Amino acid sequence: MKRFCPLWESRFNRQKERRANIIKVGMADLNTCVSPDGITTLGLGSCVGIAIRDPLTKIGGLAHIMLPDSKEIKNNSNIYKFADTGIEELVRLMVEKGACRTRLVAKIAGGAQMFAFQNKSDLVRVGERNVQASKKKLAEMKIPILAEETGENFGRTVIFYPETGDYVIRTAGRPEHVI
């Protein structure tokens, strides 16, 4: 049986290692991944994308939260939808996968004011409230926020890479950038 050339075999293995899956997270959803995989969510308007990672194990996760507080909605069984319960669940799943709770760091994006209204009631300011609730929950859990891009009046699509901590932000009509 013929063996591969060691140089070619080595190059092939490096290329194989670089291939990564991009896991999709829907609205009011969350998921985890391990490097080299990445994780993405589309259409963050007033919603917030909370990306958390353990820099040592390269385990990461992303939550796409829609609302700030689960206690404000009765009979809602989707804990991923809310900042308070979604972030807790994301951390639980990451720790279950092998992340160390005390090493976790976060980046957040979203929380836009998508529609202009004269009445600035709490109902209309859902994006701002989502950002505040996400920051509050992360602070309670002692997870530092390393970077954020929140507010404004435009939607975002994000891709998070736990290996590097890069949080790629794409917005229509604006250049892609990394926080």
N, C-alpha and C. Protein backbone atom coordinates (compact mmCIF):
# COMPACT_ATOMS: atom_id res chain seq x y z
N MET A 1 0.84 -1.19 0.00
CA MET A 1 0.00 0.00 0.00
C MET A 1 0.89 1.25 0.00
N LYS A 2 0.54 2.20 -0.82
CA LYS A 2 1.31 3.42 -0.96
C LYS A 2 0.97 4.40 0.15
N ARG A 3 1.99 5.00 0.75
CA ARG A 3 1.79 6.01 1.81
C ARG A 3 1.81 7.40 1.19
N PHE A 4 1.11 8.32 1.85
CA PHE A 4 1.14 9.72 1.43
C PHE A 4 2.50 10.32 1.76
N CYS A 5 2.84 11.32 1.02
CA CYS A 5 4.04 12.09 1.32
C CYS A 5 3.82 12.79 2.66
N PRO A 6 4.76 12.70 3.61
CA PRO A 6 4.57 13.33 4.93
C PRO A 6 4.26 14.81 4.85
N LEU A 7 4.88 15.54 3.92
CA LEU A 7 4.62 16.97 3.78
C LEU A 7 3.17 17.20 3.35
N TRP A 8 2.71 16.45 2.34
CA TRP A 8 1.33 16.60 1.88
C TRP A 8 0.35 16.19 2.97
N GLU A 9 0.65 15.07 3.65
CA GLU A 9 -0.22 14.60 4.73
C GLU A 9 -0.36 15.65 5.82
N SER A 10 0.74 16.29 6.19
CA SER A 10 0.71 17.33 7.21
C SER A 10 -0.14 18.51 6.75
N ARG A 11 0.03 18.94 5.49
CA ARG A 11 -0.74 20.05 4.95
C ARG A 11 -2.23 19.69 4.92
N PHE A 12 -2.56 18.47 4.53
CA PHE A 12 -3.95 18.01 4.48
C PHE A 12 -4.58 18.06 5.87
N ASN A 13 -3.86 17.59 6.89
CA ASN A 13 -4.39 17.59 8.26
C ASN A 13 -4.63 19.01 8.76
N ARG A 14 -3.73 19.96 8.43
CA ARG A 14 -3.93 21.35 8.86
C ARG A 14 -5.17 21.93 8.20
N GLN A 15 -5.37 21.66 6.91
CA GLN A 15 -6.54 22.17 6.22
C GLN A 15 -7.81 21.58 6.82
N LYS A 16 -7.78 20.31 7.16
CA LYS A 16 -8.93 19.64 7.75
C LYS A 16 -9.29 20.28 9.10
N GLU A 17 -8.25 20.61 9.87
CA GLU A 17 -8.48 21.22 11.19
C GLU A 17 -9.11 22.60 11.07
N ARG A 18 -8.80 23.34 9.99
CA ARG A 18 -9.33 24.70 9.84
C ARG A 18 -10.80 24.73 9.46
N ARG A 19 -11.31 23.67 8.88
CA ARG A 19 -12.71 23.66 8.48
C ARG A 19 -13.59 23.77 9.72
N ALA A 20 -14.49 24.70 9.66
CA ALA A 20 -15.35 24.91 10.81
C ALA A 20 -16.81 24.95 10.37
N ASN A 21 -17.67 24.49 11.24
CA ASN A 21 -19.10 24.61 11.02
C ASN A 21 -19.56 25.92 11.64
N ILE A 22 -20.55 26.54 11.02
CA ILE A 22 -21.17 27.71 11.61
C ILE A 22 -22.57 27.27 12.04
N ILE A 23 -22.78 27.26 13.35
CA ILE A 23 -24.05 26.81 13.93
C ILE A 23 -25.01 27.99 13.96
N LYS A 24 -26.23 27.75 13.52
CA LYS A 24 -27.24 28.81 13.48
C LYS A 24 -28.10 28.80 14.73
N VAL A 25 -28.34 30.00 15.23
CA VAL A 25 -29.22 30.20 16.38
C VAL A 25 -30.39 31.04 15.90
N GLY A 26 -31.60 30.57 16.15
CA GLY A 26 -32.79 31.32 15.74
C GLY A 26 -33.17 32.38 16.75
N MET A 27 -34.25 33.07 16.47
CA MET A 27 -34.77 34.07 17.38
C MET A 27 -35.32 33.37 18.62
N ALA A 28 -35.06 33.94 19.78
CA ALA A 28 -35.49 33.36 21.06
C ALA A 28 -34.90 31.95 21.22
N ASP A 29 -33.62 31.83 20.88
CA ASP A 29 -32.94 30.54 20.88
C ASP A 29 -31.52 30.75 21.39
N LEU A 30 -30.83 29.66 21.63
CA LEU A 30 -29.42 29.72 22.01
C LEU A 30 -28.77 28.39 21.68
N ASN A 31 -27.43 28.41 21.64
CA ASN A 31 -26.69 27.18 21.40
C ASN A 31 -25.25 27.39 21.82
N THR A 32 -24.50 26.29 21.88
CA THR A 32 -23.09 26.34 22.23
C THR A 32 -22.28 25.72 21.11
N CYS A 33 -20.99 25.98 21.13
CA CYS A 33 -20.10 25.36 20.17
C CYS A 33 -18.68 25.32 20.74
N VAL A 34 -17.85 24.51 20.11
CA VAL A 34 -16.46 24.37 20.51
C VAL A 34 -15.60 24.70 19.29
N SER A 35 -14.52 25.41 19.52
CA SER A 35 -13.59 25.77 18.46
C SER A 35 -13.17 24.52 17.69
N PRO A 36 -13.07 24.57 16.39
CA PRO A 36 -13.01 25.75 15.52
C PRO A 36 -14.38 26.23 15.02
N ASP A 37 -15.45 25.62 15.47
CA ASP A 37 -16.77 26.03 15.02
C ASP A 37 -17.10 27.44 15.46
N GLY A 38 -17.99 28.07 14.72
CA GLY A 38 -18.51 29.39 15.06
C GLY A 38 -20.01 29.29 15.22
N ILE A 39 -20.61 30.39 15.62
CA ILE A 39 -22.05 30.39 15.88
C ILE A 39 -22.62 31.73 15.42
N THR A 40 -23.80 31.70 14.80
CA THR A 40 -24.35 32.92 14.20
C THR A 40 -25.83 33.07 14.52
N THR A 41 -26.29 34.31 14.46
CA THR A 41 -27.72 34.59 14.49
C THR A 41 -28.00 35.77 13.58
N LEU A 42 -29.15 35.72 12.94
CA LEU A 42 -29.54 36.73 11.96
C LEU A 42 -30.58 37.67 12.55
N GLY A 43 -30.59 38.88 12.05
CA GLY A 43 -31.68 39.79 12.32
C GLY A 43 -31.83 40.27 13.75
N LEU A 44 -30.75 40.72 14.36
CA LEU A 44 -30.87 41.34 15.68
C LEU A 44 -31.35 42.77 15.47
N GLY A 45 -32.62 43.01 15.75
CA GLY A 45 -33.15 44.37 15.73
C GLY A 45 -33.14 44.85 17.17
N SER A 46 -34.29 44.81 17.81
CA SER A 46 -34.35 45.15 19.23
C SER A 46 -33.84 44.00 20.10
N CYS A 47 -33.68 42.82 19.50
CA CYS A 47 -33.14 41.67 20.23
C CYS A 47 -31.65 41.89 20.50
N VAL A 48 -31.11 41.12 21.45
CA VAL A 48 -29.69 41.22 21.78
C VAL A 48 -29.05 39.85 21.61
N GLY A 49 -27.88 39.84 20.99
CA GLY A 49 -27.07 38.64 20.86
C GLY A 49 -25.99 38.66 21.92
N ILE A 50 -26.06 37.72 22.85
CA ILE A 50 -25.08 37.63 23.93
C ILE A 50 -24.13 36.48 23.60
N ALA A 51 -22.87 36.83 23.33
CA ALA A 51 -21.84 35.84 23.02
C ALA A 51 -20.96 35.67 24.25
N ILE A 52 -20.80 34.42 24.68
CA ILE A 52 -19.99 34.13 25.87
C ILE A 52 -18.98 33.06 25.50
N ARG A 53 -17.76 33.19 26.08
CA ARG A 53 -16.74 32.18 25.80
C ARG A 53 -15.84 31.96 27.00
N ASP A 54 -15.26 30.76 27.02
CA ASP A 54 -14.19 30.43 27.94
C ASP A 54 -12.93 30.48 27.10
N PRO A 55 -12.04 31.45 27.32
CA PRO A 55 -10.86 31.61 26.47
C PRO A 55 -9.89 30.44 26.52
N LEU A 56 -9.91 29.66 27.58
CA LEU A 56 -8.97 28.54 27.69
C LEU A 56 -9.46 27.30 26.95
N THR A 57 -10.71 26.90 27.19
CA THR A 57 -11.25 25.70 26.54
C THR A 57 -11.79 25.98 25.15
N LYS A 58 -11.97 27.26 24.82
CA LYS A 58 -12.51 27.69 23.51
C LYS A 58 -13.95 27.22 23.31
N ILE A 59 -14.65 27.04 24.41
CA ILE A 59 -16.08 26.72 24.36
C ILE A 59 -16.83 28.05 24.37
N GLY A 60 -17.79 28.18 23.48
CA GLY A 60 -18.55 29.42 23.39
C GLY A 60 -20.02 29.16 23.22
N GLY A 61 -20.78 30.22 23.31
CA GLY A 61 -22.21 30.12 23.12
C GLY A 61 -22.80 31.46 22.72
N LEU A 62 -24.00 31.40 22.17
CA LEU A 62 -24.68 32.60 21.73
C LEU A 62 -26.16 32.48 22.05
N ALA A 63 -26.70 33.51 22.67
CA ALA A 63 -28.13 33.57 22.96
C ALA A 63 -28.73 34.74 22.18
N HIS A 64 -29.88 34.51 21.55
CA HIS A 64 -30.61 35.55 20.83
C HIS A 64 -31.86 35.84 21.67
N ILE A 65 -31.75 36.85 22.53
CA ILE A 65 -32.86 37.13 23.44
C ILE A 65 -33.78 38.21 22.86
N MET A 66 -35.06 38.05 23.14
CA MET A 66 -36.07 38.96 22.61
C MET A 66 -36.62 39.94 23.63
N LEU A 67 -36.68 39.49 24.88
CA LEU A 67 -37.31 40.30 25.92
C LEU A 67 -36.45 40.32 27.17
N PRO A 68 -36.58 41.38 27.98
CA PRO A 68 -35.69 41.53 29.13
C PRO A 68 -35.97 40.61 30.32
N ASP A 69 -37.23 40.35 30.62
CA ASP A 69 -37.53 39.72 31.91
C ASP A 69 -38.64 38.69 31.79
N SER A 70 -38.35 37.47 32.19
CA SER A 70 -39.33 36.38 32.11
C SER A 70 -40.50 36.57 33.07
N LYS A 71 -40.30 37.37 34.10
CA LYS A 71 -41.36 37.56 35.10
C LYS A 71 -42.49 38.46 34.59
N GLU A 72 -42.23 39.17 33.47
CA GLU A 72 -43.24 40.07 32.92
C GLU A 72 -44.26 39.35 32.03
N ILE A 73 -43.97 38.12 31.63
CA ILE A 73 -44.84 37.36 30.72
C ILE A 73 -45.29 36.10 31.44
N LYS A 74 -46.59 35.90 31.51
CA LYS A 74 -47.13 34.71 32.16
C LYS A 74 -47.25 33.57 31.17
N ASN A 75 -47.13 32.35 31.67
CA ASN A 75 -47.31 31.13 30.87
C ASN A 75 -46.43 31.08 29.63
N ASN A 76 -45.17 31.46 29.77
CA ASN A 76 -44.25 31.37 28.65
C ASN A 76 -43.15 30.40 29.01
N SER A 77 -43.11 29.28 28.31
CA SER A 77 -42.17 28.22 28.66
C SER A 77 -40.82 28.33 27.95
N ASN A 78 -40.65 29.26 27.02
CA ASN A 78 -39.38 29.40 26.31
C ASN A 78 -38.42 30.27 27.11
N ILE A 79 -37.58 29.62 27.91
CA ILE A 79 -36.65 30.37 28.76
C ILE A 79 -35.54 31.04 27.95
N TYR A 80 -35.32 30.60 26.72
CA TYR A 80 -34.28 31.20 25.88
C TYR A 80 -34.65 32.61 25.43
N LYS A 81 -35.92 32.94 25.46
CA LYS A 81 -36.43 34.21 24.95
C LYS A 81 -36.03 35.41 25.79
N PHE A 82 -35.73 35.19 27.07
CA PHE A 82 -35.55 36.29 28.03
C PHE A 82 -34.10 36.42 28.48
N ALA A 83 -33.67 37.65 28.73
CA ALA A 83 -32.30 37.91 29.17
C ALA A 83 -32.01 37.20 30.49
N ASP A 84 -32.93 37.28 31.44
CA ASP A 84 -32.64 36.71 32.78
C ASP A 84 -32.50 35.19 32.74
N THR A 85 -33.38 34.50 32.06
CA THR A 85 -33.33 33.03 32.04
C THR A 85 -32.45 32.49 30.91
N GLY A 86 -32.40 33.19 29.78
CA GLY A 86 -31.60 32.72 28.65
C GLY A 86 -30.11 32.73 28.94
N ILE A 87 -29.62 33.78 29.56
CA ILE A 87 -28.20 33.86 29.88
C ILE A 87 -27.83 32.79 30.90
N GLU A 88 -28.66 32.59 31.90
CA GLU A 88 -28.41 31.52 32.90
C GLU A 88 -28.32 30.15 32.22
N GLU A 89 -29.24 29.88 31.31
CA GLU A 89 -29.27 28.59 30.63
C GLU A 89 -28.06 28.42 29.73
N LEU A 90 -27.67 29.48 29.03
CA LEU A 90 -26.49 29.41 28.16
C LEU A 90 -25.25 29.07 28.98
N VAL A 91 -25.07 29.73 30.10
CA VAL A 91 -23.92 29.45 30.97
C VAL A 91 -23.97 28.02 31.49
N ARG A 92 -25.14 27.56 31.88
CA ARG A 92 -25.28 26.19 32.38
C ARG A 92 -24.85 25.18 31.32
N LEU A 93 -25.29 25.38 30.08
CA LEU A 93 -24.94 24.47 28.99
C LEU A 93 -23.45 24.51 28.67
N MET A 94 -22.86 25.69 28.75
CA MET A 94 -21.43 25.82 28.48
C MET A 94 -20.60 25.11 29.55
N VAL A 95 -20.99 25.27 30.79
CA VAL A 95 -20.29 24.60 31.90
C VAL A 95 -20.44 23.08 31.77
N GLU A 96 -21.63 22.65 31.40
CA GLU A 96 -21.88 21.22 31.17
C GLU A 96 -20.97 20.67 30.07
N LYS A 97 -20.64 21.50 29.11
CA LYS A 97 -19.78 21.11 27.99
C LYS A 97 -18.29 21.15 28.36
N GLY A 98 -17.95 21.80 29.50
CA GLY A 98 -16.56 21.83 29.94
C GLY A 98 -15.97 23.20 30.18
N ALA A 99 -16.74 24.26 29.97
CA ALA A 99 -16.26 25.62 30.22
C ALA A 99 -16.14 25.84 31.73
N CYS A 100 -15.22 26.70 32.11
CA CYS A 100 -15.05 27.05 33.53
C CYS A 100 -15.80 28.34 33.80
N ARG A 101 -16.72 28.29 34.71
CA ARG A 101 -17.61 29.39 35.04
C ARG A 101 -16.85 30.70 35.36
N THR A 102 -15.73 30.58 36.06
CA THR A 102 -14.99 31.78 36.50
C THR A 102 -14.16 32.43 35.39
N ARG A 103 -13.99 31.75 34.27
CA ARG A 103 -13.21 32.32 33.16
C ARG A 103 -14.08 32.96 32.09
N LEU A 104 -15.38 32.85 32.18
CA LEU A 104 -16.27 33.30 31.12
C LEU A 104 -16.21 34.82 30.91
N VAL A 105 -16.22 35.20 29.63
CA VAL A 105 -16.27 36.61 29.24
C VAL A 105 -17.34 36.75 28.15
N ALA A 106 -17.86 37.97 27.98
CA ALA A 106 -18.98 38.17 27.06
C ALA A 106 -18.76 39.36 26.13
N LYS A 107 -19.49 39.32 25.02
CA LYS A 107 -19.64 40.44 24.11
C LYS A 107 -21.11 40.49 23.74
N ILE A 108 -21.65 41.70 23.54
CA ILE A 108 -23.07 41.82 23.21
C ILE A 108 -23.26 42.75 22.01
N ALA A 109 -24.33 42.49 21.28
CA ALA A 109 -24.69 43.32 20.13
C ALA A 109 -26.19 43.31 19.96
N GLY A 110 -26.71 44.39 19.39
CA GLY A 110 -28.15 44.48 19.11
C GLY A 110 -28.80 45.56 19.96
N GLY A 111 -30.06 45.33 20.29
CA GLY A 111 -30.79 46.28 21.13
C GLY A 111 -31.10 47.59 20.43
N ALA A 112 -31.37 47.52 19.14
CA ALA A 112 -31.64 48.74 18.37
C ALA A 112 -33.05 49.26 18.63
N GLN A 113 -33.22 50.54 18.37
CA GLN A 113 -34.53 51.18 18.37
C GLN A 113 -34.96 51.19 16.91
N MET A 114 -35.73 50.18 16.52
CA MET A 114 -36.02 49.96 15.10
C MET A 114 -37.10 50.90 14.54
N PHE A 115 -37.94 51.43 15.39
CA PHE A 115 -39.02 52.28 14.90
C PHE A 115 -39.04 53.56 15.71
N ALA A 116 -39.28 54.68 15.06
CA ALA A 116 -39.34 55.98 15.74
C ALA A 116 -40.79 56.27 16.13
N PHE A 117 -41.00 56.43 17.41
CA PHE A 117 -42.32 56.80 17.95
C PHE A 117 -42.15 58.02 18.83
N GLN A 118 -43.19 58.84 18.89
CA GLN A 118 -43.13 59.99 19.78
C GLN A 118 -43.28 59.56 21.23
N ASN A 119 -44.10 58.56 21.47
CA ASN A 119 -44.30 58.05 22.82
C ASN A 119 -43.13 57.13 23.17
N LYS A 120 -42.33 57.50 24.11
CA LYS A 120 -41.15 56.70 24.48
C LYS A 120 -41.46 55.80 25.67
N SER A 121 -42.56 55.08 25.61
CA SER A 121 -42.93 54.18 26.69
C SER A 121 -41.97 53.00 26.76
N ASP A 122 -42.00 52.25 27.87
CA ASP A 122 -41.16 51.08 28.05
C ASP A 122 -41.41 50.03 26.97
N LEU A 123 -42.66 49.93 26.53
CA LEU A 123 -42.99 48.97 25.48
C LEU A 123 -42.23 49.26 24.20
N VAL A 124 -42.12 50.52 23.86
CA VAL A 124 -41.46 50.93 22.63
C VAL A 124 -39.95 50.81 22.78
N ARG A 125 -39.40 51.01 23.94
CA ARG A 125 -37.95 50.99 24.19
C ARG A 125 -37.44 49.59 24.49
N VAL A 126 -38.00 48.58 23.87
CA VAL A 126 -37.64 47.19 24.18
C VAL A 126 -36.16 46.91 23.91
N GLY A 127 -35.58 47.48 22.87
CA GLY A 127 -34.17 47.26 22.57
C GLY A 127 -33.28 47.74 23.71
N GLU A 128 -33.52 48.95 24.16
CA GLU A 128 -32.76 49.51 25.28
C GLU A 128 -32.94 48.68 26.56
N ARG A 129 -34.17 48.25 26.80
CA ARG A 129 -34.45 47.42 27.97
C ARG A 129 -33.76 46.06 27.87
N ASN A 130 -33.70 45.49 26.67
CA ASN A 130 -32.99 44.22 26.47
C ASN A 130 -31.51 44.37 26.79
N VAL A 131 -30.90 45.46 26.34
CA VAL A 131 -29.48 45.70 26.61
C VAL A 131 -29.25 45.85 28.11
N GLN A 132 -30.07 46.66 28.78
CA GLN A 132 -29.93 46.87 30.22
C GLN A 132 -30.09 45.56 31.00
N ALA A 133 -31.08 44.76 30.62
CA ALA A 133 -31.33 43.49 31.31
C ALA A 133 -30.17 42.51 31.08
N SER A 134 -29.63 42.50 29.86
CA SER A 134 -28.49 41.61 29.56
C SER A 134 -27.27 42.01 30.38
N LYS A 135 -26.98 43.29 30.44
CA LYS A 135 -25.85 43.78 31.23
C LYS A 135 -26.03 43.48 32.72
N LYS A 136 -27.24 43.66 33.19
CA LYS A 136 -27.53 43.41 34.60
C LYS A 136 -27.31 41.93 34.94
N LYS A 137 -27.82 41.04 34.10
CA LYS A 137 -27.68 39.60 34.35
C LYS A 137 -26.22 39.17 34.29
N LEU A 138 -25.49 39.66 33.30
CA LEU A 138 -24.07 39.32 33.20
C LEU A 138 -23.30 39.84 34.42
N ALA A 139 -23.64 41.03 34.89
CA ALA A 139 -22.98 41.58 36.09
C ALA A 139 -23.30 40.73 37.32
N GLU A 140 -24.57 40.33 37.46
CA GLU A 140 -24.96 39.45 38.58
C GLU A 140 -24.17 38.15 38.57
N MET A 141 -23.91 37.64 37.37
CA MET A 141 -23.19 36.37 37.24
C MET A 141 -21.67 36.56 37.19
N LYS A 142 -21.24 37.82 37.35
CA LYS A 142 -19.81 38.18 37.35
C LYS A 142 -19.10 37.76 36.06
N ILE A 143 -19.79 38.00 34.94
CA ILE A 143 -19.22 37.75 33.62
C ILE A 143 -18.94 39.11 32.99
N PRO A 144 -17.66 39.47 32.84
CA PRO A 144 -17.34 40.79 32.28
C PRO A 144 -17.70 40.89 30.80
N ILE A 145 -18.16 42.08 30.42
CA ILE A 145 -18.44 42.37 29.01
C ILE A 145 -17.19 43.04 28.44
N LEU A 146 -16.56 42.36 27.48
CA LEU A 146 -15.33 42.87 26.88
C LEU A 146 -15.59 43.90 25.79
N ALA A 147 -16.72 43.78 25.10
CA ALA A 147 -17.05 44.72 24.02
C ALA A 147 -18.55 44.67 23.76
N GLU A 148 -19.04 45.77 23.20
CA GLU A 148 -20.46 45.81 22.82
C GLU A 148 -20.67 46.75 21.67
N GLU A 149 -21.70 46.45 20.89
CA GLU A 149 -22.21 47.36 19.88
C GLU A 149 -23.72 47.27 19.99
N THR A 150 -24.30 48.25 20.66
CA THR A 150 -25.73 48.22 20.94
C THR A 150 -26.37 49.55 20.60
N GLY A 151 -27.71 49.53 20.55
CA GLY A 151 -28.46 50.74 20.30
C GLY A 151 -28.53 51.07 18.83
N GLU A 152 -28.57 52.37 18.54
CA GLU A 152 -28.73 52.89 17.17
C GLU A 152 -30.09 52.50 16.61
N ASN A 153 -30.22 52.52 15.30
CA ASN A 153 -31.54 52.26 14.68
C ASN A 153 -31.43 51.31 13.49
N PHE A 154 -30.52 50.34 13.59
CA PHE A 154 -30.34 49.39 12.50
C PHE A 154 -30.14 47.98 13.04
N GLY A 155 -30.55 47.01 12.22
CA GLY A 155 -30.40 45.61 12.60
C GLY A 155 -28.99 45.10 12.35
N ARG A 156 -28.70 43.96 12.94
CA ARG A 156 -27.37 43.37 12.82
C ARG A 156 -27.48 41.85 12.67
N THR A 157 -26.53 41.29 11.95
CA THR A 157 -26.31 39.85 11.92
C THR A 157 -24.93 39.64 12.50
N VAL A 158 -24.79 38.61 13.36
CA VAL A 158 -23.51 38.41 14.05
C VAL A 158 -23.01 36.98 13.87
N ILE A 159 -21.69 36.84 13.88
CA ILE A 159 -21.04 35.53 13.90
C ILE A 159 -19.99 35.59 15.00
N PHE A 160 -20.01 34.59 15.87
CA PHE A 160 -19.08 34.55 17.00
C PHE A 160 -18.16 33.35 16.87
N TYR A 161 -16.86 33.60 17.06
CA TYR A 161 -15.85 32.55 16.98
C TYR A 161 -15.19 32.37 18.35
N PRO A 162 -15.53 31.32 19.09
CA PRO A 162 -14.98 31.12 20.43
C PRO A 162 -13.46 30.93 20.46
N GLU A 163 -12.89 30.49 19.36
CA GLU A 163 -11.44 30.29 19.34
C GLU A 163 -10.69 31.60 19.58
N THR A 164 -11.12 32.66 18.92
CA THR A 164 -10.44 33.95 19.01
C THR A 164 -11.20 34.97 19.84
N GLY A 165 -12.49 34.74 20.02
CA GLY A 165 -13.34 35.73 20.68
C GLY A 165 -13.86 36.78 19.71
N ASP A 166 -13.55 36.64 18.42
CA ASP A 166 -14.03 37.60 17.43
C ASP A 166 -15.55 37.54 17.32
N TYR A 167 -16.16 38.70 17.38
CA TYR A 167 -17.62 38.84 17.23
C TYR A 167 -17.82 39.71 16.00
N VAL A 168 -18.11 39.06 14.87
CA VAL A 168 -18.24 39.74 13.59
C VAL A 168 -19.64 40.31 13.49
N ILE A 169 -19.72 41.59 13.13
CA ILE A 169 -21.01 42.26 13.02
C ILE A 169 -21.21 42.73 11.58
N ARG A 170 -22.34 42.30 11.01
CA ARG A 170 -22.71 42.69 9.65
C ARG A 170 -24.00 43.50 9.70
N THR A 171 -24.00 44.60 8.97
CA THR A 171 -25.14 45.48 8.91
C THR A 171 -25.30 45.94 7.46
N ALA A 172 -26.52 45.94 6.97
CA ALA A 172 -26.77 46.38 5.58
C ALA A 172 -26.29 47.81 5.39
N GLY A 173 -25.52 48.02 4.32
CA GLY A 173 -25.07 49.36 3.98
C GLY A 173 -23.90 49.88 4.81
N ARG A 174 -23.32 49.02 5.67
CA ARG A 174 -22.19 49.42 6.49
C ARG A 174 -21.10 48.38 6.36
N PRO A 175 -19.86 48.75 6.60
CA PRO A 175 -18.79 47.75 6.51
C PRO A 175 -18.87 46.73 7.64
N GLU A 176 -18.53 45.49 7.32
CA GLU A 176 -18.44 44.44 8.35
C GLU A 176 -17.29 44.80 9.28
N HIS A 177 -17.46 44.54 10.57
CA HIS A 177 -16.39 44.80 11.51
C HIS A 177 -16.42 43.79 12.65
N VAL A 178 -15.37 43.79 13.44
CA VAL A 178 -15.22 42.83 14.53
C VAL A 178 -15.06 43.59 15.85
N ILE A 179 -15.79 43.12 16.85
CA ILE A 179 -15.58 43.68 18.19
C ILE A 179 -15.01 42.59 19.07
